[in-house]
N, C-alpha and C. Protein backbone atom coordinates (compact mmCIF):
# COMPACT_ATOMS: atom_id res chain seq x y z
N MET A 1 97.74 241.41 7.46
CA MET A 1 98.94 240.63 7.71
C MET A 1 98.61 239.15 7.62
N ASN A 2 99.45 238.45 6.94
CA ASN A 2 99.23 237.02 6.75
C ASN A 2 100.03 236.26 7.81
N THR A 3 99.33 235.70 8.77
CA THR A 3 100.00 234.99 9.86
C THR A 3 99.03 234.00 10.50
N SER A 4 99.60 232.99 11.12
CA SER A 4 98.76 232.05 11.87
C SER A 4 98.68 232.44 13.35
N LEU A 5 99.33 233.55 13.71
CA LEU A 5 99.25 234.01 15.10
C LEU A 5 97.82 234.42 15.43
N PRO A 6 97.39 234.22 16.67
CA PRO A 6 96.02 234.56 17.08
C PRO A 6 95.87 236.05 17.35
N ILE A 7 96.03 236.87 16.33
CA ILE A 7 96.02 238.32 16.53
C ILE A 7 94.67 238.92 16.18
N GLN A 8 94.41 240.07 16.77
CA GLN A 8 93.21 240.86 16.48
C GLN A 8 93.65 242.30 16.24
N ALA A 9 93.27 242.83 15.09
CA ALA A 9 93.60 244.23 14.79
C ALA A 9 92.67 245.14 15.59
N ILE A 10 93.25 246.14 16.27
CA ILE A 10 92.43 247.11 16.99
C ILE A 10 92.63 248.51 16.41
N ALA A 11 93.58 248.63 15.48
CA ALA A 11 93.83 249.87 14.74
C ALA A 11 94.55 249.45 13.46
N ALA A 12 94.75 250.39 12.56
CA ALA A 12 95.39 250.07 11.29
C ALA A 12 96.77 249.46 11.47
N ASP A 13 97.49 249.89 12.51
CA ASP A 13 98.86 249.42 12.71
C ASP A 13 99.14 248.97 14.14
N VAL A 14 98.08 248.54 14.83
CA VAL A 14 98.21 248.00 16.19
C VAL A 14 97.32 246.76 16.30
N CYS A 15 97.93 245.66 16.76
CA CYS A 15 97.18 244.42 16.97
C CYS A 15 97.44 243.93 18.39
N VAL A 16 96.52 243.11 18.88
CA VAL A 16 96.69 242.49 20.19
C VAL A 16 96.59 240.98 20.02
N ALA A 17 97.12 240.27 21.01
CA ALA A 17 97.12 238.81 20.98
C ALA A 17 97.11 238.28 22.40
N PRO A 18 96.69 237.02 22.55
CA PRO A 18 96.87 236.35 23.84
C PRO A 18 98.34 235.99 24.01
N GLN A 19 98.67 235.41 25.16
CA GLN A 19 100.06 235.04 25.48
C GLN A 19 100.77 234.46 24.27
N LEU A 20 101.93 235.01 23.97
CA LEU A 20 102.75 234.51 22.87
C LEU A 20 103.99 233.84 23.43
N ALA A 21 104.42 232.79 22.77
CA ALA A 21 105.63 232.07 23.15
C ALA A 21 106.83 232.72 22.47
N PRO A 22 108.02 232.48 22.97
CA PRO A 22 109.21 233.02 22.31
C PRO A 22 109.27 232.64 20.82
N GLU A 23 108.83 231.44 20.50
CA GLU A 23 108.87 230.98 19.11
C GLU A 23 107.98 231.82 18.19
N ALA A 24 107.01 232.51 18.74
CA ALA A 24 106.09 233.32 17.93
C ALA A 24 106.73 234.62 17.46
N MET A 25 107.86 235.01 18.05
CA MET A 25 108.47 236.29 17.69
C MET A 25 108.97 236.30 16.25
N ALA A 26 109.57 235.20 15.79
CA ALA A 26 110.04 235.14 14.40
C ALA A 26 108.85 235.24 13.45
N GLU A 27 107.74 234.59 13.78
CA GLU A 27 106.56 234.67 12.94
C GLU A 27 105.99 236.09 12.93
N ALA A 28 106.01 236.75 14.09
CA ALA A 28 105.53 238.14 14.15
C ALA A 28 106.37 239.03 13.23
N ALA A 29 107.67 238.83 13.24
CA ALA A 29 108.55 239.62 12.37
C ALA A 29 108.25 239.32 10.91
N ARG A 30 108.07 238.05 10.57
CA ARG A 30 107.75 237.68 9.18
C ARG A 30 106.41 238.26 8.75
N ALA A 31 105.49 238.43 9.70
CA ALA A 31 104.17 238.98 9.39
C ALA A 31 104.22 240.49 9.19
N GLY A 32 105.37 241.10 9.48
CA GLY A 32 105.53 242.52 9.24
C GLY A 32 105.53 243.39 10.47
N PHE A 33 105.34 242.81 11.65
CA PHE A 33 105.40 243.61 12.87
C PHE A 33 106.81 244.12 13.08
N ARG A 34 106.91 245.32 13.62
CA ARG A 34 108.22 245.91 13.90
C ARG A 34 108.49 246.02 15.39
N SER A 35 107.41 245.97 16.21
CA SER A 35 107.55 246.11 17.67
C SER A 35 106.57 245.18 18.37
N VAL A 36 106.99 244.73 19.57
CA VAL A 36 106.15 243.89 20.43
C VAL A 36 106.16 244.49 21.82
N VAL A 37 104.97 244.55 22.44
CA VAL A 37 104.84 245.00 23.82
C VAL A 37 104.21 243.88 24.63
N ASN A 38 104.89 243.47 25.68
CA ASN A 38 104.41 242.42 26.58
C ASN A 38 103.76 243.09 27.79
N ASN A 39 102.44 242.93 27.94
CA ASN A 39 101.71 243.52 29.06
C ASN A 39 101.42 242.53 30.17
N ARG A 40 101.98 241.34 30.10
CA ARG A 40 101.68 240.32 31.09
C ARG A 40 102.82 240.13 32.08
N PRO A 41 102.53 240.27 33.38
CA PRO A 41 103.58 240.04 34.38
C PRO A 41 104.09 238.59 34.32
N ASP A 42 105.37 238.40 34.56
CA ASP A 42 105.93 237.04 34.62
C ASP A 42 105.21 236.22 35.67
N PHE A 43 104.97 234.97 35.33
CA PHE A 43 104.39 233.97 36.25
C PHE A 43 103.03 234.36 36.79
N GLU A 44 102.27 235.13 36.01
CA GLU A 44 100.95 235.58 36.43
C GLU A 44 100.03 234.41 36.81
N HIS A 45 100.13 233.33 36.06
CA HIS A 45 99.31 232.15 36.36
C HIS A 45 100.15 230.90 36.48
N GLY A 46 101.34 231.04 37.05
CA GLY A 46 102.16 229.88 37.32
C GLY A 46 103.43 229.79 36.51
N PRO A 47 104.24 228.78 36.81
CA PRO A 47 105.57 228.66 36.21
C PRO A 47 105.57 228.21 34.75
N GLY A 48 104.44 227.80 34.20
CA GLY A 48 104.40 227.35 32.82
C GLY A 48 104.40 228.47 31.80
N GLN A 49 104.22 229.68 32.25
CA GLN A 49 104.17 230.85 31.36
C GLN A 49 105.59 231.22 30.92
N PRO A 50 105.78 231.52 29.62
CA PRO A 50 107.12 231.96 29.20
C PRO A 50 107.51 233.27 29.89
N THR A 51 108.78 233.43 30.18
CA THR A 51 109.22 234.63 30.88
C THR A 51 109.48 235.78 29.91
N ASN A 52 109.42 236.97 30.47
CA ASN A 52 109.73 238.16 29.70
C ASN A 52 111.11 238.04 29.08
N ALA A 53 112.09 237.59 29.83
CA ALA A 53 113.47 237.50 29.33
C ALA A 53 113.55 236.59 28.11
N ASP A 54 112.87 235.45 28.14
CA ASP A 54 112.90 234.52 27.00
C ASP A 54 112.22 235.12 25.78
N ILE A 55 111.10 235.80 25.99
CA ILE A 55 110.38 236.40 24.87
C ILE A 55 111.19 237.57 24.31
N GLU A 56 111.76 238.38 25.19
CA GLU A 56 112.56 239.51 24.73
C GLU A 56 113.75 239.04 23.89
N SER A 57 114.42 238.01 24.35
CA SER A 57 115.58 237.48 23.61
C SER A 57 115.16 237.03 22.22
N ALA A 58 114.05 236.33 22.12
CA ALA A 58 113.56 235.85 20.82
C ALA A 58 113.12 237.02 19.94
N ALA A 59 112.48 238.02 20.53
CA ALA A 59 112.03 239.18 19.76
C ALA A 59 113.22 239.94 19.19
N ARG A 60 114.22 240.16 20.00
CA ARG A 60 115.40 240.90 19.52
C ARG A 60 116.14 240.09 18.46
N ALA A 61 116.21 238.77 18.63
CA ALA A 61 116.86 237.91 17.63
C ALA A 61 116.11 237.98 16.30
N ALA A 62 114.80 238.22 16.35
CA ALA A 62 113.98 238.32 15.14
C ALA A 62 114.01 239.73 14.55
N GLY A 63 114.73 240.65 15.20
CA GLY A 63 114.84 242.01 14.69
C GLY A 63 113.72 242.93 15.12
N LEU A 64 112.99 242.55 16.16
CA LEU A 64 111.87 243.35 16.65
C LEU A 64 112.30 244.27 17.78
N GLU A 65 111.68 245.44 17.86
CA GLU A 65 111.77 246.26 19.06
C GLU A 65 110.88 245.56 20.09
N TYR A 66 111.27 245.61 21.36
CA TYR A 66 110.52 244.89 22.39
C TYR A 66 110.48 245.73 23.66
N ARG A 67 109.29 245.79 24.27
CA ARG A 67 109.14 246.48 25.55
C ARG A 67 108.30 245.62 26.49
N PHE A 68 108.63 245.70 27.77
CA PHE A 68 107.91 244.98 28.83
C PHE A 68 107.20 246.01 29.69
N LEU A 69 105.88 246.01 29.62
CA LEU A 69 105.06 246.89 30.45
C LEU A 69 104.00 246.03 31.12
N PRO A 70 104.39 245.30 32.19
CA PRO A 70 103.43 244.41 32.85
C PRO A 70 102.39 245.19 33.63
N VAL A 71 101.14 244.83 33.44
CA VAL A 71 100.04 245.47 34.16
C VAL A 71 99.08 244.41 34.67
N ALA A 72 98.38 244.72 35.75
CA ALA A 72 97.39 243.80 36.31
C ALA A 72 96.19 243.69 35.37
N GLY A 73 95.55 242.54 35.42
CA GLY A 73 94.41 242.31 34.54
C GLY A 73 93.19 243.16 34.87
N GLY A 74 92.95 243.41 36.14
CA GLY A 74 91.72 244.08 36.53
C GLY A 74 91.75 245.59 36.47
N HIS A 75 92.94 246.18 36.62
CA HIS A 75 93.02 247.63 36.71
C HIS A 75 94.38 248.10 36.22
N GLN A 76 94.36 249.14 35.40
CA GLN A 76 95.60 249.77 34.97
C GLN A 76 95.63 251.18 35.55
N THR A 77 96.76 251.55 36.10
CA THR A 77 96.89 252.86 36.73
C THR A 77 97.05 253.94 35.66
N PRO A 78 96.80 255.19 36.02
CA PRO A 78 97.05 256.29 35.08
C PRO A 78 98.51 256.31 34.60
N GLU A 79 99.44 255.93 35.47
CA GLU A 79 100.84 255.90 35.08
C GLU A 79 101.11 254.82 34.04
N GLU A 80 100.48 253.66 34.21
CA GLU A 80 100.65 252.57 33.24
C GLU A 80 100.03 252.94 31.89
N ILE A 81 98.90 253.59 31.93
CA ILE A 81 98.24 254.02 30.69
C ILE A 81 99.12 255.05 29.98
N ALA A 82 99.67 255.99 30.72
CA ALA A 82 100.56 257.00 30.13
C ALA A 82 101.82 256.35 29.56
N ALA A 83 102.35 255.34 30.25
CA ALA A 83 103.53 254.64 29.76
C ALA A 83 103.21 253.92 28.45
N PHE A 84 102.03 253.32 28.35
CA PHE A 84 101.63 252.65 27.11
C PHE A 84 101.47 253.67 25.99
N ALA A 85 100.91 254.82 26.30
CA ALA A 85 100.77 255.88 25.30
C ALA A 85 102.14 256.31 24.78
N ARG A 86 103.13 256.40 25.66
CA ARG A 86 104.49 256.75 25.23
C ARG A 86 105.05 255.68 24.30
N LEU A 87 104.81 254.40 24.64
CA LEU A 87 105.28 253.32 23.77
C LEU A 87 104.63 253.41 22.40
N LEU A 88 103.34 253.69 22.37
CA LEU A 88 102.64 253.82 21.09
C LEU A 88 103.23 254.95 20.26
N ALA A 89 103.68 256.00 20.92
CA ALA A 89 104.23 257.15 20.21
C ALA A 89 105.66 256.91 19.72
N GLU A 90 106.42 256.11 20.45
CA GLU A 90 107.85 255.99 20.12
C GLU A 90 108.23 254.74 19.34
N LEU A 91 107.46 253.65 19.47
CA LEU A 91 107.85 252.40 18.82
C LEU A 91 107.52 252.40 17.33
N PRO A 92 108.36 251.75 16.53
CA PRO A 92 108.02 251.61 15.11
C PRO A 92 106.80 250.71 14.95
N ARG A 93 105.98 251.06 14.00
CA ARG A 93 104.75 250.30 13.74
C ARG A 93 104.90 249.48 12.48
N PRO A 94 104.12 248.43 12.37
CA PRO A 94 103.03 247.98 13.22
C PRO A 94 103.52 247.39 14.55
N ILE A 95 102.65 247.53 15.55
CA ILE A 95 102.92 247.08 16.91
C ILE A 95 102.01 245.92 17.25
N LEU A 96 102.57 244.91 17.91
CA LEU A 96 101.81 243.78 18.42
C LEU A 96 101.94 243.78 19.94
N ALA A 97 100.83 243.96 20.65
CA ALA A 97 100.83 243.94 22.12
C ALA A 97 100.11 242.68 22.58
N PHE A 98 100.60 242.08 23.66
CA PHE A 98 99.94 240.87 24.14
C PHE A 98 99.89 240.81 25.66
N CYS A 99 98.94 240.00 26.15
CA CYS A 99 98.77 239.71 27.57
C CYS A 99 98.21 238.29 27.67
N ARG A 100 97.45 237.98 28.70
CA ARG A 100 96.91 236.63 28.81
C ARG A 100 95.92 236.32 27.71
N SER A 101 94.98 237.23 27.47
CA SER A 101 93.93 236.99 26.47
C SER A 101 93.94 237.99 25.33
N GLY A 102 94.62 239.11 25.51
CA GLY A 102 94.61 240.20 24.54
C GLY A 102 93.73 241.35 24.98
N SER A 103 92.80 241.10 25.88
CA SER A 103 91.85 242.16 26.26
C SER A 103 92.51 243.27 27.09
N ARG A 104 93.44 242.94 27.95
CA ARG A 104 94.13 243.96 28.75
C ARG A 104 94.93 244.90 27.85
N SER A 105 95.60 244.33 26.84
CA SER A 105 96.36 245.16 25.89
C SER A 105 95.42 246.05 25.09
N ALA A 106 94.28 245.50 24.68
CA ALA A 106 93.30 246.31 23.94
C ALA A 106 92.75 247.43 24.82
N LYS A 107 92.49 247.11 26.08
CA LYS A 107 91.98 248.13 27.01
C LYS A 107 93.01 249.24 27.22
N LEU A 108 94.27 248.85 27.37
CA LEU A 108 95.34 249.84 27.51
C LEU A 108 95.40 250.75 26.29
N TYR A 109 95.26 250.16 25.11
CA TYR A 109 95.29 250.96 23.88
C TYR A 109 94.16 251.97 23.87
N MET A 110 92.96 251.52 24.18
CA MET A 110 91.80 252.41 24.18
C MET A 110 91.97 253.55 25.20
N GLN A 111 92.46 253.20 26.39
CA GLN A 111 92.67 254.22 27.42
C GLN A 111 93.78 255.19 27.01
N ALA A 112 94.82 254.70 26.36
CA ALA A 112 95.92 255.56 25.92
C ALA A 112 95.44 256.54 24.84
N GLN A 113 94.52 256.10 24.00
CA GLN A 113 93.98 256.97 22.95
C GLN A 113 93.18 258.12 23.54
N ALA A 114 92.65 257.93 24.74
CA ALA A 114 91.84 258.95 25.38
C ALA A 114 92.67 260.05 26.04
N LEU A 115 93.98 259.86 26.13
CA LEU A 115 94.84 260.87 26.79
C LEU A 115 95.01 262.10 25.92
């Protein structure tokens, strides 16, 4: 995918990224992504972080499927991992998942693959 977004491919049709701004949703759509999953809780590190509502609005305006599955950075529960696995199964691909750094989304993907 040709994009200036800070993405990392973790599978043929799944990528992860650090925190994305609402403005990045149009670029994600232009890059060919069909779905976005936000794994970062609102205001995790203060009020300067874009909100789920703002990102969702921009994603939908860009024609993307969008899901909010906020998880803690240090630990993901079996229920959260199962929920991510369901998203991977149901969302149109390619999928772009993001969190603060991208590592939590990548970890969720790896754990979901083990189910």
